[in-house]
Amino acid sequence: MAGVLDSQLKCALSERIRYYNELGIYDFYRREPAEASPIPVAVIQSGQREEMTPRTKAAAARVSEEELFEVTKSKPESGVSDPAHALRMIRDDLGDCTRCRLSKQGRKQIVFGVGNPKAELMFIGEAPGADEDQQGEPFVGRAGQLLNNMIKAMGLQRENVYIANIIKCRPPGNRTPERDECETCSPFLMRQIAAIKPKVLVALGAVAAKTLLAINAPMSEFRGRWFDFRGTKLAVTYHPAFLLRDPRQKKETWKDLQMVMRELGLAIPAKGVE
């Protein structure tokens, strides 16, 4: 039988959990300890393990599920059945985000996501660029126009799908997002995915694929296969910005999209991505 936390430890746990809530992390999972070690491992939603001090480990070992429930709070959108309403609540919770350094490195605005809240297909890119930062909508520049063409080639319209990025602020100079930036921002993306409940996710480019799947691999190992992402099928293809630099890969991208279309039950036209 689990022991009862004293008020000091309970307060410390509550403060730690509140800290993660402020980062947008709400889901915590408790694993049963292995026989070789009496210390349980807490796994947070981002997929990273929290390094705990010996005192915190000892406290966690004594925490019952009921006590954890008392010091945690559910996501604001929990219990909301309408995905459009849930997305608005997530956006409100995000606020004028200052959770990472990008808020002080020249971003004009947060680029949350756009599209059908009930979409069966969701595209996830890397980060907003200059045009996206200016307009507040993902994929509106040259890469966005190519993504629109990819969507049309599938027999869909941009309004039929949902589009978002791993991070919601433009990195300075369009640099690749840092790991800590992805870890801070991606929990909000996880909540968007949970609200929309798409049938298929498409990760655009290596950064999106590596962040979502926590796998460090080349694109050649990601493409052409299905991954399970929290019960949702996930496919990986090239980022439209890469295709602008190397149009020869459009044929390979079309193969990836055909795989997605078959999963969604869409008719496959003879004409591919232009």
C-alpha atoms as a PDB file:
ATOM      1  CA  MET A   1       0.000   0.000   0.000  1.00  0.00           C
ATOM      2  CA  ALA A   2       1.372   3.367  -1.007  1.00  0.00           C
ATOM      3  CA  GLY A   3       2.361   5.742   1.742  1.00  0.00           C
ATOM      4  CA  VAL A   4       0.900   9.190   2.216  1.00  0.00           C
ATOM      5  CA  LEU A   5       2.965  12.158   1.104  1.00  0.00           C
ATOM      6  CA  ASP A   6       3.814  14.748   3.697  1.00  0.00           C
ATOM      7  CA  SER A   7       2.756  18.307   2.884  1.00  0.00           C
ATOM      8  CA  GLN A   8       6.267  19.453   1.897  1.00  0.00           C
ATOM      9  CA  LEU A   9       6.816  16.699  -0.655  1.00  0.00           C
ATOM     10  CA  LYS A  10       3.309  17.040  -1.996  1.00  0.00           C
ATOM     11  CA  CYS A  11       3.876  20.763  -2.482  1.00  0.00           C
ATOM     12  CA  ALA A  12       7.178  20.099  -4.265  1.00  0.00           C
ATOM     13  CA  LEU A  13       5.532  17.622  -6.618  1.00  0.00           C
ATOM     14  CA  SER A  14       2.690  20.015  -7.263  1.00  0.00           C
ATOM     15  CA  GLU A  15       5.130  22.804  -8.166  1.00  0.00           C
ATOM     16  CA  ARG A  16       7.063  20.503 -10.510  1.00  0.00           C
ATOM     17  CA  ILE A  17       3.904  19.405 -12.282  1.00  0.00           C
ATOM     18  CA  ARG A  18       2.679  22.989 -12.522  1.00  0.00           C
ATOM     19  CA  TYR A  19       6.001  23.857 -14.199  1.00  0.00           C
ATOM     20  CA  TYR A  20       5.428  21.188 -16.850  1.00  0.00           C
ATOM     21  CA  ASN A  21       1.816  22.331 -17.308  1.00  0.00           C
ATOM     22  CA  GLU A  22       3.113  25.823 -18.084  1.00  0.00           C
ATOM     23  CA  LEU A  23       5.255  24.256 -20.814  1.00  0.00           C
ATOM     24  CA  GLY A  24       2.140  22.651 -22.230  1.00  0.00           C
ATOM     25  CA  ILE A  25       2.900  19.162 -20.884  1.00  0.00           C
ATOM     26  CA  TYR A  26      -0.072  17.591 -19.166  1.00  0.00           C
ATOM     27  CA  ASP A  27       0.230  13.832 -19.614  1.00  0.00           C
ATOM     28  CA  PHE A  28       2.354  11.840 -17.172  1.00  0.00           C
ATOM     29  CA  TYR A  29       2.710   8.088 -17.208  1.00  0.00           C
ATOM     30  CA  ARG A  30       3.945   5.842 -14.447  1.00  0.00           C
ATOM     31  CA  ARG A  31       5.804   2.660 -15.295  1.00  0.00           C
ATOM     32  CA  GLU A  32       6.074  -0.279 -12.976  1.00  0.00           C
ATOM     33  CA  PRO A  33       9.652  -0.581 -11.639  1.00  0.00           C
ATOM     34  CA  ALA A  34      11.901  -3.282 -13.028  1.00  0.00           C
ATOM     35  CA  GLU A  35      12.958  -6.039 -10.629  1.00  0.00           C
ATOM     36  CA  ALA A  36      16.535  -4.834 -10.677  1.00  0.00           C
ATOM     37  CA  SER A  37      15.569  -1.341  -9.588  1.00  0.00           C
ATOM     38  CA  PRO A  38      12.967  -0.212  -7.042  1.00  0.00           C
ATOM     39  CA  ILE A  39      12.819   3.269  -8.566  1.00  0.00           C
ATOM     40  CA  PRO A  40       9.925   3.958 -10.984  1.00  0.00           C
ATOM     41  CA  VAL A  41      10.548   5.937 -14.164  1.00  0.00           C
ATOM     42  CA  ALA A  42       8.214   8.809 -14.973  1.00  0.00           C
ATOM     43  CA  VAL A  43       7.754   9.393 -18.683  1.00  0.00           C
ATOM     44  CA  ILE A  44       6.389  12.730 -19.820  1.00  0.00           C
ATOM     45  CA  GLN A  45       4.397  13.399 -22.956  1.00  0.00           C
ATOM     46  CA  SER A  46       7.345  14.693 -24.967  1.00  0.00           C
ATOM     47  CA  GLY A  47       8.964  11.270 -24.679  1.00  0.00           C
ATOM     48  CA  GLN A  48      11.894  12.481 -22.598  1.00  0.00           C
ATOM     49  CA  ARG A  49      12.699  11.093 -19.175  1.00  0.00           C
ATOM     50  CA  GLU A  50      12.842  13.437 -16.237  1.00  0.00           C
ATOM     51  CA  GLU A  51      16.060  13.121 -14.265  1.00  0.00           C
ATOM     52  CA  MET A  52      15.078  13.090 -10.597  1.00  0.00           C
ATOM     53  CA  THR A  53      17.105  13.687  -7.471  1.00  0.00           C
ATOM     54  CA  PRO A  54      17.312  10.825  -4.948  1.00  0.00           C
ATOM     55  CA  ARG A  55      14.802  12.608  -2.721  1.00  0.00           C
ATOM     56  CA  THR A  56      12.332  13.048  -5.600  1.00  0.00           C
ATOM     57  CA  LYS A  57      12.792   9.415  -6.622  1.00  0.00           C
ATOM     58  CA  ALA A  58      12.065   8.278  -3.092  1.00  0.00           C
ATOM     59  CA  ALA A  59       8.956  10.453  -2.997  1.00  0.00           C
ATOM     60  CA  ALA A  60       7.748   9.240  -6.389  1.00  0.00           C
ATOM     61  CA  ALA A  61       8.088   5.661  -5.251  1.00  0.00           C
ATOM     62  CA  ARG A  62       5.553   6.366  -2.521  1.00  0.00           C
ATOM     63  CA  VAL A  63       3.060   8.298  -4.653  1.00  0.00           C
ATOM     64  CA  SER A  64      -0.214   6.512  -5.271  1.00  0.00           C
ATOM     65  CA  GLU A  65      -2.280   7.139  -8.406  1.00  0.00           C
ATOM     66  CA  GLU A  66      -4.876   8.950  -6.285  1.00  0.00           C
ATOM     67  CA  GLU A  67      -2.293  11.347  -4.874  1.00  0.00           C
ATOM     68  CA  LEU A  68      -0.891  12.092  -8.334  1.00  0.00           C
ATOM     69  CA  PHE A  69      -4.405  12.876  -9.510  1.00  0.00           C
ATOM     70  CA  GLU A  70      -4.768  15.414  -6.716  1.00  0.00           C
ATOM     71  CA  VAL A  71      -1.700  17.423  -7.751  1.00  0.00           C
ATOM     72  CA  THR A  72      -2.160  17.247 -11.520  1.00  0.00           C
ATOM     73  CA  LYS A  73      -4.657  19.065 -13.649  1.00  0.00           C
ATOM     74  CA  SER A  74      -6.132  17.910 -16.922  1.00  0.00           C
ATOM     75  CA  LYS A  75      -5.636  19.693 -20.201  1.00  0.00           C
ATOM     76  CA  PRO A  76      -7.996  22.635 -20.616  1.00  0.00           C
ATOM     77  CA  GLU A  77      -9.584  20.924 -23.636  1.00  0.00           C
ATOM     78  CA  SER A  78     -10.165  17.626 -21.838  1.00  0.00           C
ATOM     79  CA  GLY A  79     -13.748  16.492 -22.206  1.00  0.00           C
ATOM     80  CA  VAL A  80     -14.409  18.792 -25.182  1.00  0.00           C
ATOM     81  CA  SER A  81     -15.854  16.752 -28.042  1.00  0.00           C
ATOM     82  CA  ASP A  82     -15.790  19.479 -30.706  1.00  0.00           C
ATOM     83  CA  PRO A  83     -12.265  19.564 -32.195  1.00  0.00           C
ATOM     84  CA  ALA A  84     -12.648  23.169 -33.363  1.00  0.00           C
ATOM     85  CA  HIS A  85     -13.459  24.238 -29.807  1.00  0.00           C
ATOM     86  CA  ALA A  86     -10.599  22.118 -28.454  1.00  0.00           C
ATOM     87  CA  LEU A  87      -8.145  23.749 -30.858  1.00  0.00           C
ATOM     88  CA  ARG A  88      -9.289  27.208 -29.763  1.00  0.00           C
ATOM     89  CA  MET A  89      -8.698  26.233 -26.149  1.00  0.00           C
ATOM     90  CA  ILE A  90      -5.208  24.959 -26.964  1.00  0.00           C
ATOM     91  CA  ARG A  91      -4.452  28.199 -28.792  1.00  0.00           C
ATOM     92  CA  ASP A  92      -5.700  30.223 -25.819  1.00  0.00           C
ATOM     93  CA  ASP A  93      -3.547  28.131 -23.489  1.00  0.00           C
ATOM     94  CA  LEU A  94      -0.519  28.759 -25.706  1.00  0.00           C
ATOM     95  CA  GLY A  95      -1.109  32.501 -25.448  1.00  0.00           C
ATOM     96  CA  ASP A  96       1.640  34.895 -26.517  1.00  0.00           C
ATOM     97  CA  CYS A  97       4.151  32.168 -25.785  1.00  0.00           C
ATOM     98  CA  THR A  98       7.481  33.069 -24.174  1.00  0.00           C
ATOM     99  CA  ARG A  99       8.411  29.543 -23.095  1.00  0.00           C
ATOM    100  CA  CYS A 100      11.616  29.372 -25.154  1.00  0.00           C
ATOM    101  CA  ARG A 101      14.253  31.713 -26.526  1.00  0.00           C
ATOM    102  CA  LEU A 102      12.520  32.120 -29.898  1.00  0.00           C
ATOM    103  CA  SER A 103      10.090  34.611 -28.373  1.00  0.00           C
ATOM    104  CA  LYS A 104      13.048  37.003 -27.975  1.00  0.00           C
ATOM    105  CA  GLN A 105      14.786  36.293 -31.272  1.00  0.00           C
ATOM    106  CA  GLY A 106      12.707  38.293 -33.704  1.00  0.00           C
ATOM    107  CA  ARG A 107       9.566  36.268 -34.248  1.00  0.00           C
ATOM    108  CA  LYS A 108       6.614  38.466 -35.181  1.00  0.00           C
ATOM    109  CA  GLN A 109       3.835  36.110 -34.175  1.00  0.00           C
ATOM    110  CA  ILE A 110       2.933  32.543 -33.298  1.00  0.00           C
ATOM    111  CA  VAL A 111       1.985  30.299 -36.209  1.00  0.00           C
ATOM    112  CA  PHE A 112      -0.463  27.859 -34.633  1.00  0.00           C
ATOM    113  CA  GLY A 113      -1.926  25.779 -37.461  1.00  0.00           C
ATOM    114  CA  VAL A 114      -4.669  25.924 -40.061  1.00  0.00           C
ATOM    115  CA  GLY A 115      -7.206  23.695 -41.739  1.00  0.00           C
ATOM    116  CA  ASN A 116     -10.104  21.374 -41.086  1.00  0.00           C
ATOM    117  CA  PRO A 117     -10.420  20.508 -37.370  1.00  0.00           C
ATOM    118  CA  LYS A 118     -11.945  17.171 -38.407  1.00  0.00           C
ATOM    119  CA  ALA A 119      -9.356  16.378 -41.067  1.00  0.00           C
ATOM    120  CA  GLU A 120      -8.427  12.774 -41.772  1.00  0.00           C
ATOM    121  CA  LEU A 121      -5.039  13.941 -43.061  1.00  0.00           C
ATOM    122  CA  MET A 122      -2.599  16.174 -41.207  1.00  0.00           C
ATOM    123  CA  PHE A 123       0.704  17.522 -42.532  1.00  0.00           C
ATOM    124  CA  ILE A 124       3.431  18.467 -40.063  1.00  0.00           C
ATOM    125  CA  GLY A 125       6.389  20.568 -41.126  1.00  0.00           C
ATOM    126  CA  GLU A 126       9.447  21.886 -39.350  1.00  0.00           C
ATOM    127  CA  ALA A 127       9.003  25.560 -38.483  1.00  0.00           C
ATOM    128  CA  PRO A 128       7.515  28.789 -39.851  1.00  0.00           C
ATOM    129  CA  GLY A 129       9.523  30.776 -42.349  1.00  0.00           C
ATOM    130  CA  ALA A 130       9.512  34.512 -43.077  1.00  0.00           C
ATOM    131  CA  ASP A 131       6.204  34.499 -44.980  1.00  0.00           C
ATOM    132  CA  GLU A 132       4.542  32.360 -42.344  1.00  0.00           C
ATOM    133  CA  ASP A 133       5.843  34.591 -39.563  1.00  0.00           C
ATOM    134  CA  GLN A 134       4.428  37.601 -41.396  1.00  0.00           C
ATOM    135  CA  GLN A 135       1.002  36.114 -42.131  1.00  0.00           C
ATOM    136  CA  GLY A 136       0.551  33.882 -39.084  1.00  0.00           C
ATOM    137  CA  GLU A 137      -0.303  30.800 -41.152  1.00  0.00           C
ATOM    138  CA  PRO A 138       1.868  27.748 -41.947  1.00  0.00           C
ATOM    139  CA  PHE A 139       3.081  27.027 -45.471  1.00  0.00           C
ATOM    140  CA  VAL A 140       2.075  30.217 -47.290  1.00  0.00           C
ATOM    141  CA  GLY A 141       5.362  30.961 -49.083  1.00  0.00           C
ATOM    142  CA  ARG A 142       6.904  29.157 -52.061  1.00  0.00           C
ATOM    143  CA  ALA A 143       7.098  25.893 -50.129  1.00  0.00           C
ATOM    144  CA  GLY A 144       3.475  26.374 -49.175  1.00  0.00           C
ATOM    145  CA  GLN A 145       2.430  26.770 -52.789  1.00  0.00           C
ATOM    146  CA  LEU A 146       4.156  23.510 -53.608  1.00  0.00           C
ATOM    147  CA  LEU A 147       2.429  21.820 -50.664  1.00  0.00           C
ATOM    148  CA  ASN A 148      -0.881  23.086 -52.039  1.00  0.00           C
ATOM    149  CA  ASN A 149      -0.002  21.436 -55.367  1.00  0.00           C
ATOM    150  CA  MET A 150       0.829  18.203 -53.560  1.00  0.00           C
ATOM    151  CA  ILE A 151      -2.535  18.293 -51.814  1.00  0.00           C
ATOM    152  CA  LYS A 152      -4.351  19.005 -55.090  1.00  0.00           C
ATOM    153  CA  ALA A 153      -2.542  16.123 -56.778  1.00  0.00           C
ATOM    154  CA  MET A 154      -4.079  13.888 -54.116  1.00  0.00           C
ATOM    155  CA  GLY A 155      -7.545  15.077 -55.123  1.00  0.00           C
ATOM    156  CA  LEU A 156      -7.938  17.264 -52.027  1.00  0.00           C
ATOM    157  CA  GLN A 157      -7.981  20.960 -51.205  1.00  0.00           C
ATOM    158  CA  ARG A 158      -5.970  22.761 -48.553  1.00  0.00           C
ATOM    159  CA  GLU A 159      -9.224  23.301 -46.631  1.00  0.00           C
ATOM    160  CA  ASN A 160      -9.723  19.515 -46.375  1.00  0.00           C
ATOM    161  CA  VAL A 161      -6.531  18.868 -44.385  1.00  0.00           C
ATOM    162  CA  TYR A 162      -4.846  20.325 -41.307  1.00  0.00           C
ATOM    163  CA  ILE A 163      -1.351  21.830 -41.462  1.00  0.00           C
ATOM    164  CA  ALA A 164       0.982  22.599 -38.569  1.00  0.00           C
ATOM    165  CA  ASN A 165       4.668  22.633 -37.625  1.00  0.00           C
ATOM    166  CA  ILE A 166       6.813  21.083 -34.921  1.00  0.00           C
ATOM    167  CA  ILE A 167       7.484  24.561 -33.519  1.00  0.00           C
ATOM    168  CA  LYS A 168       5.272  27.612 -33.805  1.00  0.00           C
ATOM    169  CA  CYS A 169       7.808  30.449 -33.977  1.00  0.00           C
ATOM    170  CA  ARG A 170      10.228  31.267 -36.753  1.00  0.00           C
ATOM    171  CA  PRO A 171      13.859  30.535 -35.821  1.00  0.00           C
ATOM    172  CA  PRO A 172      16.191  33.426 -36.712  1.00  0.00           C
ATOM    173  CA  GLY A 173      17.474  33.138 -40.254  1.00  0.00           C
ATOM    174  CA  ASN A 174      15.242  30.074 -40.777  1.00  0.00           C
ATOM    175  CA  ARG A 175      17.810  27.944 -38.992  1.00  0.00           C
ATOM    176  CA  THR A 176      16.973  24.390 -37.924  1.00  0.00           C
ATOM    177  CA  PRO A 177      15.098  24.335 -34.608  1.00  0.00           C
ATOM    178  CA  GLU A 178      17.167  23.377 -31.595  1.00  0.00           C
ATOM    179  CA  ARG A 179      16.264  20.261 -29.645  1.00  0.00           C
ATOM    180  CA  ASP A 180      15.124  22.148 -26.548  1.00  0.00           C
ATOM    181  CA  GLU A 181      12.917  24.389 -28.699  1.00  0.00           C
ATOM    182  CA  CYS A 182      11.239  21.327 -30.206  1.00  0.00           C
ATOM    183  CA  GLU A 183      10.789  19.738 -26.793  1.00  0.00           C
ATOM    184  CA  THR A 184       9.241  22.901 -25.376  1.00  0.00           C
ATOM    185  CA  CYS A 185       6.851  23.521 -28.264  1.00  0.00           C
ATOM    186  CA  SER A 186       5.916  20.043 -29.507  1.00  0.00           C
ATOM    187  CA  PRO A 187       3.576  19.217 -26.576  1.00  0.00           C
ATOM    188  CA  PHE A 188       1.141  21.757 -28.016  1.00  0.00           C
ATOM    189  CA  LEU A 189       1.359  19.971 -31.361  1.00  0.00           C
ATOM    190  CA  MET A 190       0.644  16.679 -29.593  1.00  0.00           C
ATOM    191  CA  ARG A 191      -2.493  18.240 -28.156  1.00  0.00           C
ATOM    192  CA  GLN A 192      -3.535  19.466 -31.604  1.00  0.00           C
ATOM    193  CA  ILE A 193      -3.124  15.968 -32.995  1.00  0.00           C
ATOM    194  CA  ALA A 194      -5.130  14.525 -30.100  1.00  0.00           C
ATOM    195  CA  ALA A 195      -7.934  17.046 -30.718  1.00  0.00           C
ATOM    196  CA  ILE A 196      -8.109  16.497 -34.490  1.00  0.00           C
ATOM    197  CA  LYS A 197      -7.621  12.724 -34.386  1.00  0.00           C
ATOM    198  CA  PRO A 198      -6.501  12.414 -38.018  1.00  0.00           C
ATOM    199  CA  LYS A 199      -6.437   9.038 -39.700  1.00  0.00           C
ATOM    200  CA  VAL A 200      -3.014   9.730 -41.216  1.00  0.00           C
ATOM    201  CA  LEU A 201      -0.111  12.016 -40.306  1.00  0.00           C
ATOM    202  CA  VAL A 202       2.495  13.047 -42.866  1.00  0.00           C
ATOM    203  CA  ALA A 203       5.799  14.331 -41.518  1.00  0.00           C
ATOM    204  CA  LEU A 204       7.407  16.719 -43.988  1.00  0.00           C
ATOM    205  CA  GLY A 205      11.167  16.406 -43.804  1.00  0.00           C
ATOM    206  CA  ALA A 206      13.727  14.909 -41.467  1.00  0.00           C
ATOM    207  CA  VAL A 207      13.292  17.346 -38.576  1.00  0.00           C
ATOM    208  CA  ALA A 208       9.566  16.619 -38.282  1.00  0.00           C
ATOM    209  CA  ALA A 209      10.128  12.872 -38.628  1.00  0.00           C
ATOM    210  CA  LYS A 210      12.945  12.712 -36.081  1.00  0.00           C
ATOM    211  CA  THR A 211      11.060  14.822 -33.551  1.00  0.00           C
ATOM    212  CA  LEU A 212       7.796  12.924 -33.812  1.00  0.00           C
ATOM    213  CA  LEU A 213       9.325   9.460 -33.884  1.00  0.00           C
ATOM    214  CA  ALA A 214      12.366  10.098 -31.678  1.00  0.00           C
ATOM    215  CA  ILE A 215      14.467   8.229 -34.240  1.00  0.00           C
ATOM    216  CA  ASN A 216      17.738   9.578 -35.626  1.00  0.00           C
ATOM    217  CA  ALA A 217      17.785   8.144 -39.132  1.00  0.00           C
ATOM    218  CA  PRO A 218      18.251   9.344 -42.730  1.00  0.00           C
ATOM    219  CA  MET A 219      15.244  10.029 -44.935  1.00  0.00           C
ATOM    220  CA  SER A 220      15.921   6.824 -46.852  1.00  0.00           C
ATOM    221  CA  GLU A 221      14.990   4.838 -43.738  1.00  0.00           C
ATOM    222  CA  PHE A 222      11.882   6.896 -42.994  1.00  0.00           C
ATOM    223  CA  ARG A 223      10.273   6.884 -46.411  1.00  0.00           C
ATOM    224  CA  GLY A 224       8.134   4.164 -47.953  1.00  0.00           C
ATOM    225  CA  ARG A 225       6.847   2.667 -44.705  1.00  0.00           C
ATOM    226  CA  TRP A 226       4.252   3.262 -42.029  1.00  0.00           C
ATOM    227  CA  PHE A 227       5.014   4.194 -38.456  1.00  0.00           C
ATOM    228  CA  ASP A 228       2.651   3.995 -35.522  1.00  0.00           C
ATOM    229  CA  PHE A 229       2.339   7.326 -33.744  1.00  0.00           C
ATOM    230  CA  ARG A 230       0.140   7.005 -30.666  1.00  0.00           C
ATOM    231  CA  GLY A 231      -2.327   4.850 -32.571  1.00  0.00           C
ATOM    232  CA  THR A 232      -2.240   6.987 -35.732  1.00  0.00           C
ATOM    233  CA  LYS A 233      -0.474   5.952 -38.935  1.00  0.00           C
ATOM    234  CA  LEU A 234       2.427   8.222 -39.832  1.00  0.00           C
ATOM    235  CA  ALA A 235       4.245   8.492 -43.155  1.00  0.00           C
ATOM    236  CA  VAL A 236       7.326  10.552 -43.980  1.00  0.00           C
ATOM    237  CA  THR A 237       8.133  12.397 -47.178  1.00  0.00           C
ATOM    238  CA  TYR A 238      10.344  15.243 -48.351  1.00  0.00           C
ATOM    239  CA  HIS A 239       9.732  18.788 -47.167  1.00  0.00           C
ATOM    240  CA  PRO A 240       8.428  21.043 -49.985  1.00  0.00           C
ATOM    241  CA  ALA A 241      11.345  23.433 -49.415  1.00  0.00           C
ATOM    242  CA  PHE A 242      13.729  20.568 -50.208  1.00  0.00           C
ATOM    243  CA  LEU A 243      11.762  19.773 -53.367  1.00  0.00           C
ATOM    244  CA  LEU A 244      12.215  23.370 -54.503  1.00  0.00           C
ATOM    245  CA  ARG A 245      15.970  22.824 -54.264  1.00  0.00           C
ATOM    246  CA  ASP A 246      15.882  19.366 -55.819  1.00  0.00           C
ATOM    247  CA  PRO A 247      12.809  18.946 -58.068  1.00  0.00           C
ATOM    248  CA  ARG A 248      14.043  15.489 -59.110  1.00  0.00           C
ATOM    249  CA  GLN A 249      12.683  14.140 -55.830  1.00  0.00           C
ATOM    250  CA  LYS A 250       9.091  15.051 -56.721  1.00  0.00           C
ATOM    251  CA  LYS A 251       8.621  11.600 -58.243  1.00  0.00           C
ATOM    252  CA  GLU A 252       9.704   9.978 -54.991  1.00  0.00           C
ATOM    253  CA  THR A 253       7.384  12.280 -53.070  1.00  0.00           C
ATOM    254  CA  TRP A 254       4.505  11.255 -55.318  1.00  0.00           C
ATOM    255  CA  LYS A 255       5.162   7.633 -54.382  1.00  0.00           C
ATOM    256  CA  ASP A 256       4.878   8.567 -50.714  1.00  0.00           C
ATOM    257  CA  LEU A 257       1.652  10.456 -51.305  1.00  0.00           C
ATOM    258  CA  GLN A 258       0.179   7.542 -53.232  1.00  0.00           C
ATOM    259  CA  MET A 259       0.830   5.333 -50.218  1.00  0.00           C
ATOM    260  CA  VAL A 260      -1.097   7.844 -48.103  1.00  0.00           C
ATOM    261  CA  MET A 261      -3.924   8.018 -50.647  1.00  0.00           C
ATOM    262  CA  ARG A 262      -4.348   4.255 -50.621  1.00  0.00           C
ATOM    263  CA  GLU A 263      -4.643   4.324 -46.840  1.00  0.00           C
ATOM    264  CA  LEU A 264      -7.285   7.061 -47.053  1.00  0.00           C
ATOM    265  CA  GLY A 265      -9.175   5.296 -49.840  1.00  0.00           C
ATOM    266  CA  LEU A 266      -8.546   8.088 -52.366  1.00  0.00           C
ATOM    267  CA  ALA A 267      -8.440   7.501 -56.090  1.00  0.00           C
ATOM    268  CA  ILE A 268      -4.922   7.777 -57.513  1.00  0.00           C
ATOM    269  CA  PRO A 269      -4.732   9.960 -60.654  1.00  0.00           C
ATOM    270  CA  ALA A 270      -2.101   9.389 -63.290  1.00  0.00           C
ATOM    271  CA  LYS A 271      -0.743  12.913 -62.895  1.00  0.00           C
ATOM    272  CA  GLY A 272       1.642  13.487 -60.023  1.00  0.00           C
ATOM    273  CA  VAL A 273       3.170  16.471 -58.244  1.00  0.00           C
ATOM    274  CA  GLU A 274       4.284  19.328 -60.470  1.00  0.00           C
END
